[in-house]
Amino acid sequence: MFIYKSNFDASLKAKHYLPKYWGAWFSIALLYLFTYVPIKIRDRFARFIGTRIYHTKLLAKRKKIAYTNLSLCFPEYTDQQKEELMQESVVAVAQIALSIGEIAFRSIAFFEKRINFIGEHYIKEAEAQDKAIIFLSAHFYGVDFAATAAISARNYPLTGMFKDYNNPVFNWFTTKYRKRFGWSTGKGMLYHRSEGFKPIIKALREKTHFYYLPDEDHGRENSIFVPFFATQKATLTITRRVAKLGRACVIPIYTSYNEKTSQIDVICHAPLQNFPTNDEVDDTQKINEALEKLINENITQYMWTLKFLKTRPDEGENIYS
């Protein structure tokens, strides 16, 4: 049995109840309250808020980054198309943000109705073949729902990585809700990404699955350039090595909020075939192709505001200036 103890301390201390942290506690209290507001009413309120926020200066910097990314990935998009896409994206952010407390406060029975989980049979088939799984995902707004409310809540053993916030109260809150269902399996752990992949590989070998988002830009040193939509992206090659060393299959997984059905759509695609191989470039390209298919499920709910194209083939190019 494998339980990895993270070296990152996300526990609460007495000082975290001082007035400087009351804003964080107030936010958590609001999340709790919104959790019990009827979903349709909450969604309409979130759409109202998201629409209003979109037209303020508050998002000017993030919108500029998003338009740059969209222009490179989809050069055929008109300004109007990009504008409409980002408006819906901000609405989705608001709807998911007001729903996030569900992961911390609602029951497994609640998620049985809330989560529309498609393709779960791919997980069952992999486990029946005694395979560990790397769940390959991207930075979708509802990503925590897939890992926690869909996978962990169904007692699949899962290990994941996290990046800490500047606020220790939020570190405590997010790590706590991300682990709340995982203890029932007796396997897995949430750990800080600075701790490396060694514990992940060990966990995979003991059939504890791994939820991984490799779409951020981590610089030139550990990446190679392969196509991503209509541009070139500096892409990490680590996925293939972890899959090989951990003896794991790779299942792409997508998450988005479905306002029409009031559900979180979590969709597993078929496992990558013939992966990994001995060809680093081909394997890395397969990863990007899989991510493209995930993003195309619902382009509006990908985090286009991230600087994931910062590292360019031309070292002197600065697209976000």
C-alpha atoms as a PDB file:
ATOM      1  CA  MET A   1       0.000   0.000   0.000  1.00  0.00           C
ATOM      2  CA  PHE A   2       1.347   3.418  -0.971  1.00  0.00           C
ATOM      3  CA  ILE A   3       0.592   6.630   0.869  1.00  0.00           C
ATOM      4  CA  TYR A   4       2.999   9.421   0.075  1.00  0.00           C
ATOM      5  CA  LYS A   5       3.485  12.116   2.692  1.00  0.00           C
ATOM      6  CA  SER A   6       3.953  15.464   1.007  1.00  0.00           C
ATOM      7  CA  ASN A   7       6.644  17.736   2.376  1.00  0.00           C
ATOM      8  CA  PHE A   8       4.448  20.782   1.708  1.00  0.00           C
ATOM      9  CA  ASP A   9       2.701  21.912   4.884  1.00  0.00           C
ATOM     10  CA  ALA A  10      -0.832  23.071   4.095  1.00  0.00           C
ATOM     11  CA  SER A  11      -2.137  22.753   7.637  1.00  0.00           C
ATOM     12  CA  LEU A  12      -3.753  25.628   9.496  1.00  0.00           C
ATOM     13  CA  LYS A  13      -1.888  27.537  12.188  1.00  0.00           C
ATOM     14  CA  ALA A  14      -3.259  29.825  14.886  1.00  0.00           C
ATOM     15  CA  LYS A  15      -2.023  32.870  12.966  1.00  0.00           C
ATOM     16  CA  HIS A  16      -4.263  31.975  10.025  1.00  0.00           C
ATOM     17  CA  TYR A  17      -7.280  33.126  12.028  1.00  0.00           C
ATOM     18  CA  LEU A  18      -5.936  36.670  12.367  1.00  0.00           C
ATOM     19  CA  PRO A  19      -7.788  39.571  10.657  1.00  0.00           C
ATOM     20  CA  LYS A  20      -5.439  39.577   7.636  1.00  0.00           C
ATOM     21  CA  TYR A  21      -6.967  36.230   6.607  1.00  0.00           C
ATOM     22  CA  TRP A  22     -10.606  37.065   7.283  1.00  0.00           C
ATOM     23  CA  GLY A  23     -11.168  37.853   3.605  1.00  0.00           C
ATOM     24  CA  ALA A  24     -10.216  34.279   2.712  1.00  0.00           C
ATOM     25  CA  TRP A  25     -12.492  32.856   5.407  1.00  0.00           C
ATOM     26  CA  PHE A  26     -15.327  35.063   4.195  1.00  0.00           C
ATOM     27  CA  SER A  27     -14.829  33.743   0.646  1.00  0.00           C
ATOM     28  CA  ILE A  28     -15.011  30.148   1.887  1.00  0.00           C
ATOM     29  CA  ALA A  29     -18.185  30.972   3.812  1.00  0.00           C
ATOM     30  CA  LEU A  30     -19.732  32.397   0.639  1.00  0.00           C
ATOM     31  CA  LEU A  31     -18.795  29.241  -1.264  1.00  0.00           C
ATOM     32  CA  TYR A  32     -20.556  27.205   1.403  1.00  0.00           C
ATOM     33  CA  LEU A  33     -23.705  29.313   1.120  1.00  0.00           C
ATOM     34  CA  PHE A  34     -23.731  29.208  -2.689  1.00  0.00           C
ATOM     35  CA  THR A  35     -23.433  25.430  -2.529  1.00  0.00           C
ATOM     36  CA  TYR A  36     -27.017  25.266  -1.272  1.00  0.00           C
ATOM     37  CA  VAL A  37     -28.516  27.856  -3.624  1.00  0.00           C
ATOM     38  CA  PRO A  38     -30.648  26.144  -6.330  1.00  0.00           C
ATOM     39  CA  ILE A  39     -28.344  25.504  -9.290  1.00  0.00           C
ATOM     40  CA  LYS A  40     -30.488  27.204 -11.948  1.00  0.00           C
ATOM     41  CA  ILE A  41     -30.746  30.366  -9.866  1.00  0.00           C
ATOM     42  CA  ARG A  42     -27.026  30.313  -9.095  1.00  0.00           C
ATOM     43  CA  ASP A  43     -26.159  29.850 -12.765  1.00  0.00           C
ATOM     44  CA  ARG A  44     -28.288  32.805 -13.814  1.00  0.00           C
ATOM     45  CA  PHE A  45     -26.682  34.957 -11.135  1.00  0.00           C
ATOM     46  CA  ALA A  46     -23.203  33.820 -12.267  1.00  0.00           C
ATOM     47  CA  ARG A  47     -24.045  34.641 -15.889  1.00  0.00           C
ATOM     48  CA  PHE A  48     -25.149  38.119 -14.815  1.00  0.00           C
ATOM     49  CA  ILE A  49     -21.923  38.660 -12.838  1.00  0.00           C
ATOM     50  CA  GLY A  50     -19.671  37.200 -15.549  1.00  0.00           C
ATOM     51  CA  THR A  51     -21.232  39.344 -18.263  1.00  0.00           C
ATOM     52  CA  ARG A  52     -20.781  42.491 -16.197  1.00  0.00           C
ATOM     53  CA  ILE A  53     -17.196  41.698 -15.217  1.00  0.00           C
ATOM     54  CA  TYR A  54     -16.208  40.977 -18.806  1.00  0.00           C
ATOM     55  CA  HIS A  55     -16.747  44.593 -19.808  1.00  0.00           C
ATOM     56  CA  THR A  56     -14.669  46.070 -16.979  1.00  0.00           C
ATOM     57  CA  LYS A  57     -10.974  46.992 -16.975  1.00  0.00           C
ATOM     58  CA  LEU A  58     -10.400  44.276 -14.381  1.00  0.00           C
ATOM     59  CA  LEU A  59      -9.911  41.647 -17.092  1.00  0.00           C
ATOM     60  CA  ALA A  60      -8.108  43.804 -19.671  1.00  0.00           C
ATOM     61  CA  LYS A  61      -4.695  42.151 -19.175  1.00  0.00           C
ATOM     62  CA  ARG A  62      -6.078  38.612 -19.167  1.00  0.00           C
ATOM     63  CA  LYS A  63      -8.227  39.266 -22.225  1.00  0.00           C
ATOM     64  CA  LYS A  64      -5.172  40.508 -24.111  1.00  0.00           C
ATOM     65  CA  ILE A  65      -3.327  37.268 -23.321  1.00  0.00           C
ATOM     66  CA  ALA A  66      -6.342  35.213 -24.379  1.00  0.00           C
ATOM     67  CA  TYR A  67      -6.739  37.029 -27.693  1.00  0.00           C
ATOM     68  CA  THR A  68      -3.041  36.496 -28.417  1.00  0.00           C
ATOM     69  CA  ASN A  69      -3.364  32.763 -27.750  1.00  0.00           C
ATOM     70  CA  LEU A  70      -6.521  32.447 -29.817  1.00  0.00           C
ATOM     71  CA  SER A  71      -4.981  34.385 -32.726  1.00  0.00           C
ATOM     72  CA  LEU A  72      -2.033  31.995 -32.832  1.00  0.00           C
ATOM     73  CA  CYS A  73      -4.047  28.806 -32.388  1.00  0.00           C
ATOM     74  CA  PHE A  74      -7.008  29.809 -34.558  1.00  0.00           C
ATOM     75  CA  PRO A  75      -5.857  32.451 -37.065  1.00  0.00           C
ATOM     76  CA  GLU A  76      -9.128  32.012 -38.949  1.00  0.00           C
ATOM     77  CA  TYR A  77     -11.147  33.411 -36.030  1.00  0.00           C
ATOM     78  CA  THR A  78     -12.539  36.885 -36.496  1.00  0.00           C
ATOM     79  CA  ASP A  79     -12.353  39.485 -33.728  1.00  0.00           C
ATOM     80  CA  GLN A  80     -16.062  38.975 -33.143  1.00  0.00           C
ATOM     81  CA  GLN A  81     -15.630  35.215 -32.753  1.00  0.00           C
ATOM     82  CA  LYS A  82     -12.846  35.701 -30.229  1.00  0.00           C
ATOM     83  CA  GLU A  83     -14.934  38.244 -28.357  1.00  0.00           C
ATOM     84  CA  GLU A  84     -17.960  35.938 -28.162  1.00  0.00           C
ATOM     85  CA  LEU A  85     -15.808  32.988 -27.127  1.00  0.00           C
ATOM     86  CA  MET A  86     -14.193  34.905 -24.281  1.00  0.00           C
ATOM     87  CA  GLN A  87     -17.492  36.304 -23.051  1.00  0.00           C
ATOM     88  CA  GLU A  88     -18.819  32.766 -22.683  1.00  0.00           C
ATOM     89  CA  SER A  89     -15.528  31.766 -21.096  1.00  0.00           C
ATOM     90  CA  VAL A  90     -15.865  34.391 -18.360  1.00  0.00           C
ATOM     91  CA  VAL A  91     -19.463  33.310 -17.708  1.00  0.00           C
ATOM     92  CA  ALA A  92     -18.245  29.718 -17.324  1.00  0.00           C
ATOM     93  CA  VAL A  93     -15.588  30.869 -14.857  1.00  0.00           C
ATOM     94  CA  ALA A  94     -18.252  32.576 -12.753  1.00  0.00           C
ATOM     95  CA  GLN A  95     -20.547  29.537 -12.820  1.00  0.00           C
ATOM     96  CA  ILE A  96     -17.786  27.124 -11.853  1.00  0.00           C
ATOM     97  CA  ALA A  97     -16.376  29.473  -9.210  1.00  0.00           C
ATOM     98  CA  LEU A  98     -19.746  29.639  -7.461  1.00  0.00           C
ATOM     99  CA  SER A  99     -20.006  25.835  -7.692  1.00  0.00           C
ATOM    100  CA  ILE A 100     -16.550  24.958  -6.360  1.00  0.00           C
ATOM    101  CA  GLY A 101     -17.763  24.723  -2.770  1.00  0.00           C
ATOM    102  CA  GLU A 102     -19.715  21.619  -3.771  1.00  0.00           C
ATOM    103  CA  ILE A 103     -16.469  19.653  -3.885  1.00  0.00           C
ATOM    104  CA  ALA A 104     -15.751  20.586  -0.278  1.00  0.00           C
ATOM    105  CA  PHE A 105     -19.232  20.356   1.212  1.00  0.00           C
ATOM    106  CA  ARG A 106     -21.543  18.083  -0.817  1.00  0.00           C
ATOM    107  CA  SER A 107     -21.873  14.305  -0.658  1.00  0.00           C
ATOM    108  CA  ILE A 108     -21.006  11.511  -3.068  1.00  0.00           C
ATOM    109  CA  ALA A 109     -24.742  10.981  -3.600  1.00  0.00           C
ATOM    110  CA  PHE A 110     -24.997  14.603  -4.762  1.00  0.00           C
ATOM    111  CA  PHE A 111     -22.233  14.091  -7.322  1.00  0.00           C
ATOM    112  CA  GLU A 112     -23.921  11.024  -8.770  1.00  0.00           C
ATOM    113  CA  LYS A 113     -26.466  13.441 -10.244  1.00  0.00           C
ATOM    114  CA  ARG A 114     -24.209  16.451 -10.683  1.00  0.00           C
ATOM    115  CA  ILE A 115     -21.468  14.687 -12.691  1.00  0.00           C
ATOM    116  CA  ASN A 116     -22.136  13.440 -16.217  1.00  0.00           C
ATOM    117  CA  PHE A 117     -19.341  10.870 -16.395  1.00  0.00           C
ATOM    118  CA  ILE A 118     -18.859   9.436 -19.886  1.00  0.00           C
ATOM    119  CA  GLY A 119     -16.242   6.876 -20.848  1.00  0.00           C
ATOM    120  CA  GLU A 120     -15.744   5.436 -17.370  1.00  0.00           C
ATOM    121  CA  HIS A 121     -15.535   2.019 -18.988  1.00  0.00           C
ATOM    122  CA  TYR A 122     -12.030   2.928 -20.190  1.00  0.00           C
ATOM    123  CA  ILE A 123     -10.952   3.177 -16.550  1.00  0.00           C
ATOM    124  CA  LYS A 124     -12.582  -0.126 -15.639  1.00  0.00           C
ATOM    125  CA  GLU A 125     -10.974  -1.851 -18.629  1.00  0.00           C
ATOM    126  CA  ALA A 126      -7.522  -0.564 -17.676  1.00  0.00           C
ATOM    127  CA  GLU A 127      -7.940  -1.695 -14.074  1.00  0.00           C
ATOM    128  CA  ALA A 128      -9.195  -5.094 -15.235  1.00  0.00           C
ATOM    129  CA  GLN A 129      -5.919  -5.409 -17.160  1.00  0.00           C
ATOM    130  CA  ASP A 130      -4.037  -4.438 -13.970  1.00  0.00           C
ATOM    131  CA  LYS A 131      -2.822  -1.166 -15.483  1.00  0.00           C
ATOM    132  CA  ALA A 132      -2.150   2.113 -13.774  1.00  0.00           C
ATOM    133  CA  ILE A 133      -3.566   5.199 -15.500  1.00  0.00           C
ATOM    134  CA  ILE A 134      -2.228   8.636 -16.245  1.00  0.00           C
ATOM    135  CA  PHE A 135      -5.275  10.848 -16.647  1.00  0.00           C
ATOM    136  CA  LEU A 136      -4.112  13.351 -19.232  1.00  0.00           C
ATOM    137  CA  SER A 137      -5.959  16.634 -18.927  1.00  0.00           C
ATOM    138  CA  ALA A 138      -5.536  20.357 -19.509  1.00  0.00           C
ATOM    139  CA  HIS A 139      -6.318  23.543 -17.641  1.00  0.00           C
ATOM    140  CA  PHE A 140     -10.088  23.524 -17.907  1.00  0.00           C
ATOM    141  CA  TYR A 141     -12.001  25.659 -15.432  1.00  0.00           C
ATOM    142  CA  GLY A 142     -13.784  22.678 -13.925  1.00  0.00           C
ATOM    143  CA  VAL A 143     -10.745  20.436 -13.621  1.00  0.00           C
ATOM    144  CA  ASP A 144     -11.140  19.869  -9.857  1.00  0.00           C
ATOM    145  CA  PHE A 145     -14.544  18.319 -10.445  1.00  0.00           C
ATOM    146  CA  ALA A 146     -13.057  15.599 -12.634  1.00  0.00           C
ATOM    147  CA  ALA A 147     -10.254  14.612 -10.283  1.00  0.00           C
ATOM    148  CA  THR A 148     -12.200  14.843  -7.031  1.00  0.00           C
ATOM    149  CA  ALA A 149     -15.943  14.572  -7.682  1.00  0.00           C
ATOM    150  CA  ALA A 150     -15.741  12.080 -10.564  1.00  0.00           C
ATOM    151  CA  ILE A 151     -12.622   9.919 -10.100  1.00  0.00           C
ATOM    152  CA  SER A 152     -11.833   9.992  -6.360  1.00  0.00           C
ATOM    153  CA  ALA A 153     -15.501   9.997  -5.385  1.00  0.00           C
ATOM    154  CA  ARG A 154     -15.872   6.698  -7.264  1.00  0.00           C
ATOM    155  CA  ASN A 155     -13.047   5.168  -5.183  1.00  0.00           C
ATOM    156  CA  TYR A 156     -10.436   5.107  -7.918  1.00  0.00           C
ATOM    157  CA  PRO A 157      -7.033   5.547  -6.204  1.00  0.00           C
ATOM    158  CA  LEU A 158      -5.560   8.831  -7.369  1.00  0.00           C
ATOM    159  CA  THR A 159      -2.422  10.894  -6.906  1.00  0.00           C
ATOM    160  CA  GLY A 160      -2.080  14.478  -8.107  1.00  0.00           C
ATOM    161  CA  MET A 161       0.125  17.533  -8.073  1.00  0.00           C
ATOM    162  CA  PHE A 162      -0.721  21.045  -6.961  1.00  0.00           C
ATOM    163  CA  LYS A 163       0.683  24.549  -7.092  1.00  0.00           C
ATOM    164  CA  ASP A 164       0.289  26.544  -3.911  1.00  0.00           C
ATOM    165  CA  TYR A 165      -1.450  29.895  -3.570  1.00  0.00           C
ATOM    166  CA  ASN A 166      -0.019  32.950  -1.861  1.00  0.00           C
ATOM    167  CA  ASN A 167      -2.700  32.572   0.810  1.00  0.00           C
ATOM    168  CA  PRO A 168      -2.217  29.711   3.320  1.00  0.00           C
ATOM    169  CA  VAL A 169      -5.950  29.532   4.081  1.00  0.00           C
ATOM    170  CA  PHE A 170      -6.693  28.786   0.433  1.00  0.00           C
ATOM    171  CA  ASN A 171      -3.850  26.242   0.426  1.00  0.00           C
ATOM    172  CA  TRP A 172      -5.508  24.457   3.336  1.00  0.00           C
ATOM    173  CA  PHE A 173      -8.977  24.636   1.791  1.00  0.00           C
ATOM    174  CA  THR A 174      -8.064  23.409  -1.694  1.00  0.00           C
ATOM    175  CA  THR A 175      -5.764  20.598  -0.563  1.00  0.00           C
ATOM    176  CA  LYS A 176      -8.376  19.448   1.946  1.00  0.00           C
ATOM    177  CA  TYR A 177     -11.224  19.206  -0.559  1.00  0.00           C
ATOM    178  CA  ARG A 178      -9.017  17.632  -3.207  1.00  0.00           C
ATOM    179  CA  LYS A 179      -8.134  14.823  -0.793  1.00  0.00           C
ATOM    180  CA  ARG A 180     -11.502  14.372   0.923  1.00  0.00           C
ATOM    181  CA  PHE A 181     -12.603  11.283  -1.041  1.00  0.00           C
ATOM    182  CA  GLY A 182      -9.157   9.814  -1.606  1.00  0.00           C
ATOM    183  CA  TRP A 183      -8.640   8.487   1.907  1.00  0.00           C
ATOM    184  CA  SER A 184     -11.246   5.753   1.392  1.00  0.00           C
ATOM    185  CA  THR A 185      -8.940   3.922  -1.043  1.00  0.00           C
ATOM    186  CA  GLY A 186      -5.921   3.992   1.272  1.00  0.00           C
ATOM    187  CA  LYS A 187      -3.750   4.986  -1.664  1.00  0.00           C
ATOM    188  CA  GLY A 188      -2.448   8.123  -3.243  1.00  0.00           C
ATOM    189  CA  MET A 189      -1.575  11.622  -2.158  1.00  0.00           C
ATOM    190  CA  LEU A 190      -1.722  15.213  -3.258  1.00  0.00           C
ATOM    191  CA  TYR A 191       1.757  16.707  -3.358  1.00  0.00           C
ATOM    192  CA  HIS A 192       3.477  19.912  -4.350  1.00  0.00           C
ATOM    193  CA  ARG A 193       4.828  19.913  -7.894  1.00  0.00           C
ATOM    194  CA  SER A 194       8.272  21.002  -6.665  1.00  0.00           C
ATOM    195  CA  GLU A 195       8.697  17.520  -5.175  1.00  0.00           C
ATOM    196  CA  GLY A 196       9.259  15.966  -8.576  1.00  0.00           C
ATOM    197  CA  PHE A 197       7.976  12.790 -10.237  1.00  0.00           C
ATOM    198  CA  LYS A 198       9.715  10.116  -8.175  1.00  0.00           C
ATOM    199  CA  PRO A 199       6.740   9.502  -5.838  1.00  0.00           C
ATOM    200  CA  ILE A 200       4.382   9.544  -8.829  1.00  0.00           C
ATOM    201  CA  ILE A 201       6.288   6.776 -10.555  1.00  0.00           C
ATOM    202  CA  LYS A 202       6.287   4.720  -7.368  1.00  0.00           C
ATOM    203  CA  ALA A 203       2.546   5.264  -6.985  1.00  0.00           C
ATOM    204  CA  LEU A 204       1.842   4.237 -10.579  1.00  0.00           C
ATOM    205  CA  ARG A 205       3.777   1.017 -10.096  1.00  0.00           C
ATOM    206  CA  GLU A 206       1.475   0.239  -7.183  1.00  0.00           C
ATOM    207  CA  LYS A 207      -1.558   0.931  -9.391  1.00  0.00           C
ATOM    208  CA  THR A 208      -2.404   4.344  -7.988  1.00  0.00           C
ATOM    209  CA  HIS A 209      -3.484   6.527 -10.889  1.00  0.00           C
ATOM    210  CA  PHE A 210      -2.105   9.994 -11.637  1.00  0.00           C
ATOM    211  CA  TYR A 211      -4.018  13.102 -12.735  1.00  0.00           C
ATOM    212  CA  TYR A 212      -1.716  15.265 -14.842  1.00  0.00           C
ATOM    213  CA  LEU A 213      -1.994  18.609 -16.651  1.00  0.00           C
ATOM    214  CA  PRO A 214       1.062  19.035 -18.927  1.00  0.00           C
ATOM    215  CA  ASP A 215      -0.146  22.012 -20.977  1.00  0.00           C
ATOM    216  CA  GLU A 216       1.606  24.848 -19.126  1.00  0.00           C
ATOM    217  CA  ASP A 217       4.758  26.445 -20.524  1.00  0.00           C
ATOM    218  CA  HIS A 218       7.723  25.275 -18.422  1.00  0.00           C
ATOM    219  CA  GLY A 219      10.418  26.858 -20.540  1.00  0.00           C
ATOM    220  CA  ARG A 220      12.828  25.746 -23.211  1.00  0.00           C
ATOM    221  CA  GLU A 221      15.110  23.489 -21.186  1.00  0.00           C
ATOM    222  CA  ASN A 222      12.701  20.590 -20.567  1.00  0.00           C
ATOM    223  CA  SER A 223      10.545  20.984 -23.675  1.00  0.00           C
ATOM    224  CA  ILE A 224      10.553  20.457 -27.403  1.00  0.00           C
ATOM    225  CA  PHE A 225       8.545  22.350 -30.027  1.00  0.00           C
ATOM    226  CA  VAL A 226       5.716  20.443 -31.652  1.00  0.00           C
ATOM    227  CA  PRO A 227       2.506  21.629 -33.350  1.00  0.00           C
ATOM    228  CA  PHE A 228      -0.388  22.791 -31.206  1.00  0.00           C
ATOM    229  CA  PHE A 229      -3.399  23.809 -33.264  1.00  0.00           C
ATOM    230  CA  ALA A 230      -2.008  26.316 -35.819  1.00  0.00           C
ATOM    231  CA  THR A 231       1.152  27.204 -33.915  1.00  0.00           C
ATOM    232  CA  GLN A 232       4.209  25.608 -32.288  1.00  0.00           C
ATOM    233  CA  LYS A 233       4.242  25.019 -28.545  1.00  0.00           C
ATOM    234  CA  ALA A 234       7.087  24.262 -26.155  1.00  0.00           C
ATOM    235  CA  THR A 235       5.802  20.962 -24.780  1.00  0.00           C
ATOM    236  CA  LEU A 236       7.142  18.880 -21.910  1.00  0.00           C
ATOM    237  CA  THR A 237       8.395  15.409 -22.799  1.00  0.00           C
ATOM    238  CA  ILE A 238       7.953  14.066 -19.267  1.00  0.00           C
ATOM    239  CA  THR A 239       4.614  12.334 -19.912  1.00  0.00           C
ATOM    240  CA  ARG A 240       6.169   9.607 -22.017  1.00  0.00           C
ATOM    241  CA  ARG A 241       8.906   8.950 -19.460  1.00  0.00           C
ATOM    242  CA  VAL A 242       6.475   8.762 -16.543  1.00  0.00           C
ATOM    243  CA  ALA A 243       4.205   6.431 -18.542  1.00  0.00           C
ATOM    244  CA  LYS A 244       7.132   4.176 -19.344  1.00  0.00           C
ATOM    245  CA  LEU A 245       8.679   4.105 -15.869  1.00  0.00           C
ATOM    246  CA  GLY A 246       5.288   3.838 -14.166  1.00  0.00           C
ATOM    247  CA  ARG A 247       4.073   1.171 -16.617  1.00  0.00           C
ATOM    248  CA  ALA A 248       0.902   3.179 -17.162  1.00  0.00           C
ATOM    249  CA  CYS A 249      -1.575   3.753 -19.944  1.00  0.00           C
ATOM    250  CA  VAL A 250      -2.684   7.305 -20.778  1.00  0.00           C
ATOM    251  CA  ILE A 251      -6.377   8.235 -20.787  1.00  0.00           C
ATOM    252  CA  PRO A 252      -7.224  11.792 -21.915  1.00  0.00           C
ATOM    253  CA  ILE A 253      -9.979  13.353 -19.796  1.00  0.00           C
ATOM    254  CA  TYR A 254     -12.061  16.466 -20.394  1.00  0.00           C
ATOM    255  CA  THR A 255     -14.122  18.602 -18.020  1.00  0.00           C
ATOM    256  CA  SER A 256     -16.553  21.465 -18.587  1.00  0.00           C
ATOM    257  CA  TYR A 257     -19.654  22.985 -17.079  1.00  0.00           C
ATOM    258  CA  ASN A 258     -22.896  22.334 -18.959  1.00  0.00           C
ATOM    259  CA  GLU A 259     -25.304  25.153 -18.194  1.00  0.00           C
ATOM    260  CA  LYS A 260     -28.164  23.539 -20.128  1.00  0.00           C
ATOM    261  CA  THR A 261     -28.152  20.326 -18.102  1.00  0.00           C
ATOM    262  CA  SER A 262     -26.797  21.818 -14.845  1.00  0.00           C
ATOM    263  CA  GLN A 263     -24.144  19.110 -14.831  1.00  0.00           C
ATOM    264  CA  ILE A 264     -20.378  18.860 -14.947  1.00  0.00           C
ATOM    265  CA  ASP A 265     -19.421  16.953 -18.102  1.00  0.00           C
ATOM    266  CA  VAL A 266     -16.457  14.644 -17.476  1.00  0.00           C
ATOM    267  CA  ILE A 267     -15.501  12.649 -20.567  1.00  0.00           C
ATOM    268  CA  CYS A 268     -12.772  10.023 -20.843  1.00  0.00           C
ATOM    269  CA  HIS A 269     -11.385   9.527 -24.326  1.00  0.00           C
ATOM    270  CA  ALA A 270      -9.909   6.216 -25.450  1.00  0.00           C
ATOM    271  CA  PRO A 271      -6.393   5.442 -24.129  1.00  0.00           C
ATOM    272  CA  LEU A 272      -3.509   6.524 -26.324  1.00  0.00           C
ATOM    273  CA  GLN A 273      -2.422   3.656 -28.534  1.00  0.00           C
ATOM    274  CA  ASN A 274       1.199   2.609 -29.007  1.00  0.00           C
ATOM    275  CA  PHE A 275       2.343   5.006 -26.308  1.00  0.00           C
ATOM    276  CA  PRO A 276       5.084   5.518 -25.383  1.00  0.00           C
ATOM    277  CA  THR A 277       7.401   4.593 -28.236  1.00  0.00           C
ATOM    278  CA  ASN A 278      11.095   5.211 -28.749  1.00  0.00           C
ATOM    279  CA  ASP A 279      10.361   8.405 -30.684  1.00  0.00           C
ATOM    280  CA  GLU A 280      10.331  11.410 -28.344  1.00  0.00           C
ATOM    281  CA  VAL A 281       9.029  13.850 -30.940  1.00  0.00           C
ATOM    282  CA  ASP A 282       6.224  11.574 -32.101  1.00  0.00           C
ATOM    283  CA  ASP A 283       5.167  10.808 -28.530  1.00  0.00           C
ATOM    284  CA  THR A 284       5.128  14.485 -27.594  1.00  0.00           C
ATOM    285  CA  GLN A 285       3.074  15.268 -30.676  1.00  0.00           C
ATOM    286  CA  LYS A 286       0.567  12.599 -29.630  1.00  0.00           C
ATOM    287  CA  ILE A 287       0.183  14.390 -26.311  1.00  0.00           C
ATOM    288  CA  ASN A 288      -0.598  17.696 -28.011  1.00  0.00           C
ATOM    289  CA  GLU A 289      -3.014  16.045 -30.421  1.00  0.00           C
ATOM    290  CA  ALA A 290      -4.819  14.484 -27.466  1.00  0.00           C
ATOM    291  CA  LEU A 291      -4.983  17.872 -25.729  1.00  0.00           C
ATOM    292  CA  GLU A 292      -6.370  19.479 -28.891  1.00  0.00           C
ATOM    293  CA  LYS A 293      -9.196  16.934 -28.967  1.00  0.00           C
ATOM    294  CA  LEU A 294      -9.983  17.650 -25.326  1.00  0.00           C
ATOM    295  CA  ILE A 295     -10.024  21.410 -25.825  1.00  0.00           C
ATOM    296  CA  ASN A 296     -12.208  21.060 -28.915  1.00  0.00           C
ATOM    297  CA  GLU A 297     -14.890  19.441 -26.751  1.00  0.00           C
ATOM    298  CA  ASN A 298     -15.646  22.959 -25.516  1.00  0.00           C
ATOM    299  CA  ILE A 299     -13.164  25.653 -26.502  1.00  0.00           C
ATOM    300  CA  THR A 300     -14.791  28.269 -24.246  1.00  0.00           C
ATOM    301  CA  GLN A 301     -13.813  26.467 -21.042  1.00  0.00           C
ATOM    302  CA  TYR A 302     -10.077  26.216 -21.587  1.00  0.00           C
ATOM    303  CA  MET A 303      -7.898  28.716 -19.709  1.00  0.00           C
ATOM    304  CA  TRP A 304      -6.870  30.835 -22.683  1.00  0.00           C
ATOM    305  CA  THR A 305      -5.685  33.484 -20.236  1.00  0.00           C
ATOM    306  CA  LEU A 306      -2.574  31.431 -19.370  1.00  0.00           C
ATOM    307  CA  LYS A 307       0.749  32.328 -20.996  1.00  0.00           C
ATOM    308  CA  PHE A 308       1.173  28.805 -22.319  1.00  0.00           C
ATOM    309  CA  LEU A 309       2.830  29.977 -25.556  1.00  0.00           C
ATOM    310  CA  LYS A 310       5.411  32.239 -23.899  1.00  0.00           C
ATOM    311  CA  THR A 311       8.434  30.185 -24.985  1.00  0.00           C
ATOM    312  CA  ARG A 312       8.738  30.612 -28.741  1.00  0.00           C
ATOM    313  CA  PRO A 313      10.933  28.943 -31.382  1.00  0.00           C
ATOM    314  CA  ASP A 314      12.466  32.376 -31.951  1.00  0.00           C
ATOM    315  CA  GLU A 315      14.105  33.159 -28.600  1.00  0.00           C
ATOM    316  CA  GLY A 316      13.781  36.892 -29.132  1.00  0.00           C
ATOM    317  CA  GLU A 317      10.029  36.825 -29.704  1.00  0.00           C
ATOM    318  CA  ASN A 318       7.778  38.176 -26.941  1.00  0.00           C
ATOM    319  CA  ILE A 319       4.160  37.667 -27.939  1.00  0.00           C
ATOM    320  CA  TYR A 320       2.663  38.909 -24.657  1.00  0.00           C
ATOM    321  CA  SER A 321       4.351  42.296 -24.527  1.00  0.00           C
END
